[in-house]
Amino acid sequence: MEEKRKHKRLDLDVKIQLERLDEDGVTTLKYANVDVTDISRSGIGFWSQRPLEVGTYYDTKIQIWTKEVVDAVIEIVRVDEVDGKYRHGATFIGMTDTDALKIDIYQIFNDL
């Protein structure tokens, strides 16, 4: 099967908290704790106990392998139910170049 992604997925086993953003970009007090399964420069995959709506936005802080924290805004683009849990795919829509570079460096070391 041909890989269609622009950026390679990397396994990342961390728990993060998502904070829902409403239409005005203001955070609402809707938090979700999720288990991250993989990350790439362009997005993130994770499991949660409840489904998150496709097209919604969340502010998140992701601790990467160096224990550094990457701040990002994500958009939910896919939700699949598997055995009563929900697998999500999300794209990064707001991330600093510095934080994106941290993921690139992670990928380089992961490939070695």
N, C-alpha and C. Protein backbone atom coordinates (compact mmCIF):
# COMPACT_ATOMS: atom_id res chain seq x y z
N MET A 1 0.83 -1.18 0.00
CA MET A 1 0.00 0.00 0.00
C MET A 1 0.88 1.25 0.00
N GLU A 2 0.58 2.18 -0.86
CA GLU A 2 1.39 3.38 -1.00
C GLU A 2 1.08 4.36 0.12
N GLU A 3 2.11 4.94 0.69
CA GLU A 3 1.94 5.92 1.75
C GLU A 3 1.55 7.25 1.13
N LYS A 4 0.41 7.79 1.54
CA LYS A 4 -0.08 9.05 0.97
C LYS A 4 0.27 10.25 1.84
N ARG A 5 0.74 10.00 3.03
CA ARG A 5 1.06 11.11 3.94
C ARG A 5 2.33 11.82 3.50
N LYS A 6 2.35 13.13 3.75
CA LYS A 6 3.54 13.91 3.45
C LYS A 6 4.61 13.68 4.50
N HIS A 7 4.17 13.39 5.72
CA HIS A 7 5.11 13.23 6.83
C HIS A 7 4.92 11.88 7.49
N LYS A 8 6.03 11.24 7.79
CA LYS A 8 6.01 9.92 8.40
C LYS A 8 5.45 9.98 9.82
N ARG A 9 4.61 8.99 10.16
CA ARG A 9 4.08 8.90 11.51
C ARG A 9 5.12 8.30 12.43
N LEU A 10 5.18 8.83 13.64
CA LEU A 10 6.09 8.32 14.66
C LEU A 10 5.27 7.90 15.86
N ASP A 11 5.60 6.76 16.44
CA ASP A 11 4.90 6.32 17.64
C ASP A 11 5.22 7.25 18.80
N LEU A 12 4.21 7.57 19.57
CA LEU A 12 4.39 8.41 20.74
C LEU A 12 3.37 7.97 21.77
N ASP A 13 3.84 7.50 22.91
CA ASP A 13 2.95 6.97 23.93
C ASP A 13 2.85 7.96 25.08
N VAL A 14 1.94 8.92 24.95
CA VAL A 14 1.73 9.91 26.00
C VAL A 14 0.23 10.17 26.15
N LYS A 15 -0.13 10.74 27.28
CA LYS A 15 -1.49 11.19 27.49
C LYS A 15 -1.45 12.72 27.45
N ILE A 16 -2.45 13.29 26.78
CA ILE A 16 -2.52 14.76 26.72
C ILE A 16 -3.93 15.20 27.05
N GLN A 17 -4.06 16.49 27.32
CA GLN A 17 -5.37 17.05 27.57
C GLN A 17 -5.69 18.04 26.45
N LEU A 18 -6.90 17.90 25.91
CA LEU A 18 -7.35 18.81 24.86
C LEU A 18 -8.32 19.81 25.47
N GLU A 19 -8.22 21.06 25.03
CA GLU A 19 -9.14 22.09 25.49
C GLU A 19 -9.89 22.62 24.28
N ARG A 20 -11.19 22.49 24.29
CA ARG A 20 -12.04 22.85 23.14
C ARG A 20 -11.99 24.35 22.88
N LEU A 21 -11.86 24.72 21.61
CA LEU A 21 -11.95 26.11 21.17
C LEU A 21 -13.28 26.30 20.47
N ASP A 22 -13.98 27.39 20.77
CA ASP A 22 -15.24 27.63 20.07
C ASP A 22 -14.99 28.47 18.81
N GLU A 23 -16.05 28.89 18.15
CA GLU A 23 -15.92 29.58 16.86
C GLU A 23 -15.13 30.88 16.94
N ASP A 24 -15.16 31.53 18.10
CA ASP A 24 -14.45 32.80 18.23
C ASP A 24 -13.00 32.61 18.64
N GLY A 25 -12.55 31.36 18.71
CA GLY A 25 -11.19 31.09 19.12
C GLY A 25 -11.00 31.18 20.63
N VAL A 26 -12.12 31.28 21.34
CA VAL A 26 -12.07 31.36 22.80
C VAL A 26 -12.18 29.94 23.34
N THR A 27 -11.40 29.65 24.36
CA THR A 27 -11.47 28.31 24.92
C THR A 27 -12.72 28.17 25.78
N THR A 28 -13.33 27.03 25.68
CA THR A 28 -14.44 26.70 26.56
C THR A 28 -13.92 25.65 27.53
N LEU A 29 -14.63 25.40 28.58
CA LEU A 29 -14.13 24.48 29.59
C LEU A 29 -14.53 23.05 29.28
N LYS A 30 -14.26 22.61 28.06
CA LYS A 30 -14.52 21.23 27.67
C LYS A 30 -13.18 20.55 27.46
N TYR A 31 -12.79 19.76 28.44
CA TYR A 31 -11.51 19.07 28.37
C TYR A 31 -11.72 17.61 28.02
N ALA A 32 -10.75 17.06 27.36
CA ALA A 32 -10.76 15.63 27.07
C ALA A 32 -9.36 15.10 27.28
N ASN A 33 -9.23 14.02 28.04
CA ASN A 33 -7.94 13.36 28.19
C ASN A 33 -7.87 12.25 27.16
N VAL A 34 -6.77 12.19 26.43
CA VAL A 34 -6.64 11.22 25.35
C VAL A 34 -5.28 10.52 25.40
N ASP A 35 -5.21 9.35 24.77
CA ASP A 35 -3.96 8.59 24.67
C ASP A 35 -3.43 8.74 23.25
N VAL A 36 -2.29 9.42 23.10
CA VAL A 36 -1.68 9.64 21.79
C VAL A 36 -1.03 8.36 21.31
N THR A 37 -1.26 8.00 20.05
CA THR A 37 -0.65 6.80 19.48
C THR A 37 0.46 7.14 18.50
N ASP A 38 0.30 8.23 17.77
CA ASP A 38 1.34 8.61 16.81
C ASP A 38 1.27 10.10 16.53
N ILE A 39 2.38 10.60 16.01
CA ILE A 39 2.49 12.02 15.71
C ILE A 39 3.35 12.19 14.47
N SER A 40 3.06 13.21 13.69
CA SER A 40 3.92 13.60 12.57
C SER A 40 3.94 15.12 12.56
N ARG A 41 4.71 15.67 11.65
CA ARG A 41 4.76 17.13 11.57
C ARG A 41 3.38 17.71 11.22
N SER A 42 2.57 16.94 10.51
CA SER A 42 1.29 17.48 10.06
C SER A 42 0.10 17.10 10.92
N GLY A 43 0.25 16.10 11.81
CA GLY A 43 -0.92 15.71 12.59
C GLY A 43 -0.62 14.73 13.69
N ILE A 44 -1.72 14.26 14.30
CA ILE A 44 -1.61 13.41 15.49
C ILE A 44 -2.76 12.40 15.48
N GLY A 45 -2.49 11.22 15.99
CA GLY A 45 -3.52 10.19 16.16
C GLY A 45 -3.67 9.88 17.63
N PHE A 46 -4.91 9.65 18.09
CA PHE A 46 -5.11 9.35 19.50
C PHE A 46 -6.43 8.63 19.73
N TRP A 47 -6.53 8.00 20.90
CA TRP A 47 -7.73 7.30 21.36
C TRP A 47 -8.37 8.10 22.48
N SER A 48 -9.71 8.07 22.54
CA SER A 48 -10.40 8.66 23.68
C SER A 48 -11.63 7.82 24.02
N GLN A 49 -12.16 8.06 25.20
CA GLN A 49 -13.32 7.31 25.67
C GLN A 49 -14.61 7.78 25.02
N ARG A 50 -14.61 9.00 24.48
CA ARG A 50 -15.81 9.52 23.83
C ARG A 50 -15.43 10.17 22.51
N PRO A 51 -16.38 10.20 21.58
CA PRO A 51 -16.05 10.77 20.26
C PRO A 51 -15.96 12.29 20.31
N LEU A 52 -15.02 12.82 19.57
CA LEU A 52 -14.91 14.26 19.38
C LEU A 52 -15.43 14.56 17.98
N GLU A 53 -16.09 15.66 17.83
CA GLU A 53 -16.76 15.98 16.58
C GLU A 53 -15.76 16.40 15.49
N VAL A 54 -15.92 15.82 14.30
CA VAL A 54 -15.09 16.21 13.17
C VAL A 54 -15.33 17.69 12.87
N GLY A 55 -14.24 18.41 12.61
CA GLY A 55 -14.35 19.84 12.32
C GLY A 55 -14.24 20.73 13.54
N THR A 56 -14.04 20.13 14.72
CA THR A 56 -13.86 20.94 15.93
C THR A 56 -12.38 21.16 16.19
N TYR A 57 -12.08 22.17 16.96
CA TYR A 57 -10.71 22.59 17.21
C TYR A 57 -10.38 22.49 18.70
N TYR A 58 -9.14 22.09 18.98
CA TYR A 58 -8.70 21.95 20.35
C TYR A 58 -7.31 22.52 20.52
N ASP A 59 -7.10 23.16 21.66
CA ASP A 59 -5.77 23.62 22.05
C ASP A 59 -5.15 22.49 22.87
N THR A 60 -3.91 22.19 22.61
CA THR A 60 -3.29 21.08 23.32
C THR A 60 -1.81 21.33 23.58
N LYS A 61 -1.33 20.66 24.59
CA LYS A 61 0.10 20.66 24.91
C LYS A 61 0.55 19.21 24.89
N ILE A 62 1.51 18.89 24.03
CA ILE A 62 1.96 17.52 23.83
C ILE A 62 3.40 17.39 24.34
N GLN A 63 3.62 16.50 25.28
CA GLN A 63 4.98 16.28 25.77
C GLN A 63 5.65 15.25 24.86
N ILE A 64 6.76 15.65 24.25
CA ILE A 64 7.46 14.74 23.34
C ILE A 64 8.56 14.02 24.08
N TRP A 65 9.32 13.20 23.35
CA TRP A 65 10.30 12.29 23.96
C TRP A 65 11.34 13.00 24.80
N THR A 66 11.65 14.26 24.50
CA THR A 66 12.68 14.98 25.25
C THR A 66 12.11 15.60 26.51
N LYS A 67 10.83 15.37 26.75
CA LYS A 67 10.06 15.97 27.86
C LYS A 67 9.73 17.43 27.58
N GLU A 68 10.09 17.92 26.38
CA GLU A 68 9.67 19.26 26.00
C GLU A 68 8.18 19.22 25.66
N VAL A 69 7.53 20.36 25.77
CA VAL A 69 6.10 20.43 25.49
C VAL A 69 5.88 21.23 24.21
N VAL A 70 5.11 20.65 23.30
CA VAL A 70 4.75 21.29 22.04
C VAL A 70 3.34 21.82 22.20
N ASP A 71 3.16 23.12 21.98
CA ASP A 71 1.83 23.73 21.99
C ASP A 71 1.28 23.70 20.58
N ALA A 72 0.02 23.26 20.43
CA ALA A 72 -0.56 23.20 19.09
C ALA A 72 -2.07 23.33 19.16
N VAL A 73 -2.63 23.84 18.07
CA VAL A 73 -4.07 23.80 17.86
C VAL A 73 -4.31 22.71 16.83
N ILE A 74 -5.25 21.82 17.12
CA ILE A 74 -5.55 20.73 16.19
C ILE A 74 -7.00 20.83 15.72
N GLU A 75 -7.24 20.26 14.54
CA GLU A 75 -8.59 20.10 14.02
C GLU A 75 -8.86 18.61 13.87
N ILE A 76 -9.98 18.16 14.42
CA ILE A 76 -10.37 16.76 14.30
C ILE A 76 -10.83 16.51 12.86
N VAL A 77 -10.19 15.52 12.19
CA VAL A 77 -10.53 15.24 10.79
C VAL A 77 -11.10 13.84 10.58
N ARG A 78 -10.96 12.96 11.60
CA ARG A 78 -11.45 11.59 11.44
C ARG A 78 -11.78 11.00 12.81
N VAL A 79 -12.87 10.25 12.86
CA VAL A 79 -13.24 9.53 14.09
C VAL A 79 -13.75 8.15 13.68
N ASP A 80 -13.18 7.11 14.29
CA ASP A 80 -13.62 5.73 14.05
C ASP A 80 -13.89 5.08 15.41
N GLU A 81 -15.03 4.39 15.53
CA GLU A 81 -15.31 3.66 16.76
C GLU A 81 -14.75 2.25 16.64
N VAL A 82 -14.00 1.82 17.66
CA VAL A 82 -13.42 0.49 17.69
C VAL A 82 -13.61 -0.05 19.11
N ASP A 83 -14.44 -1.07 19.24
CA ASP A 83 -14.66 -1.72 20.54
C ASP A 83 -15.02 -0.74 21.65
N GLY A 84 -15.90 0.20 21.35
CA GLY A 84 -16.36 1.13 22.38
C GLY A 84 -15.42 2.27 22.70
N LYS A 85 -14.26 2.32 22.02
CA LYS A 85 -13.35 3.46 22.17
C LYS A 85 -13.30 4.18 20.83
N TYR A 86 -12.75 5.37 20.83
CA TYR A 86 -12.78 6.18 19.62
C TYR A 86 -11.36 6.57 19.20
N ARG A 87 -11.03 6.19 17.96
CA ARG A 87 -9.74 6.53 17.37
C ARG A 87 -9.92 7.80 16.55
N HIS A 88 -9.09 8.79 16.80
CA HIS A 88 -9.20 10.08 16.13
C HIS A 88 -7.95 10.39 15.33
N GLY A 89 -8.16 11.12 14.26
CA GLY A 89 -7.06 11.70 13.50
C GLY A 89 -7.27 13.20 13.50
N ALA A 90 -6.19 13.94 13.70
CA ALA A 90 -6.29 15.39 13.73
C ALA A 90 -5.08 16.00 13.02
N THR A 91 -5.30 17.15 12.42
CA THR A 91 -4.20 17.86 11.77
C THR A 91 -3.83 19.06 12.61
N PHE A 92 -2.54 19.39 12.58
CA PHE A 92 -2.08 20.60 13.26
C PHE A 92 -2.43 21.79 12.40
N ILE A 93 -3.12 22.76 12.98
CA ILE A 93 -3.42 23.97 12.22
C ILE A 93 -2.76 25.19 12.82
N GLY A 94 -2.23 25.03 14.03
CA GLY A 94 -1.52 26.12 14.66
C GLY A 94 -0.37 25.59 15.47
N MET A 95 0.84 25.84 15.00
CA MET A 95 2.04 25.37 15.71
C MET A 95 3.20 26.27 15.30
N THR A 96 4.05 26.59 16.25
CA THR A 96 5.20 27.43 15.91
C THR A 96 6.20 26.62 15.07
N ASP A 97 7.00 27.31 14.31
CA ASP A 97 8.05 26.64 13.53
C ASP A 97 9.01 25.90 14.45
N THR A 98 9.27 26.47 15.61
CA THR A 98 10.18 25.84 16.58
C THR A 98 9.62 24.50 17.03
N ASP A 99 8.31 24.46 17.33
CA ASP A 99 7.70 23.21 17.77
C ASP A 99 7.65 22.19 16.64
N ALA A 100 7.37 22.64 15.41
CA ALA A 100 7.37 21.72 14.26
C ALA A 100 8.77 21.14 14.06
N LEU A 101 9.78 21.95 14.28
CA LEU A 101 11.17 21.50 14.15
C LEU A 101 11.49 20.41 15.18
N LYS A 102 10.94 20.53 16.39
CA LYS A 102 11.15 19.51 17.43
C LYS A 102 10.64 18.15 16.93
N ILE A 103 9.51 18.15 16.25
CA ILE A 103 8.97 16.90 15.71
C ILE A 103 9.85 16.37 14.59
N ASP A 104 10.36 17.28 13.75
CA ASP A 104 11.29 16.86 12.68
C ASP A 104 12.54 16.21 13.27
N ILE A 105 13.08 16.82 14.31
CA ILE A 105 14.29 16.27 14.95
C ILE A 105 13.98 14.91 15.56
N TYR A 106 12.82 14.78 16.19
CA TYR A 106 12.38 13.50 16.74
C TYR A 106 12.36 12.44 15.65
N GLN A 107 11.86 12.80 14.48
CA GLN A 107 11.79 11.85 13.37
C GLN A 107 13.19 11.45 12.91
N ILE A 108 14.10 12.41 12.82
CA ILE A 108 15.46 12.10 12.39
C ILE A 108 16.11 11.10 13.34
N PHE A 109 15.99 11.35 14.66
CA PHE A 109 16.58 10.43 15.64
C PHE A 109 15.88 9.08 15.63
N ASN A 110 14.59 9.09 15.37
CA ASN A 110 13.82 7.84 15.34
C ASN A 110 14.24 6.97 14.16
N ASP A 111 14.65 7.62 13.06
CA ASP A 111 15.06 6.89 11.85
C ASP A 111 16.46 6.28 11.96
N LEU A 112 17.26 6.79 12.91
CA LEU A 112 18.64 6.32 13.03
C LEU A 112 18.73 4.92 13.62
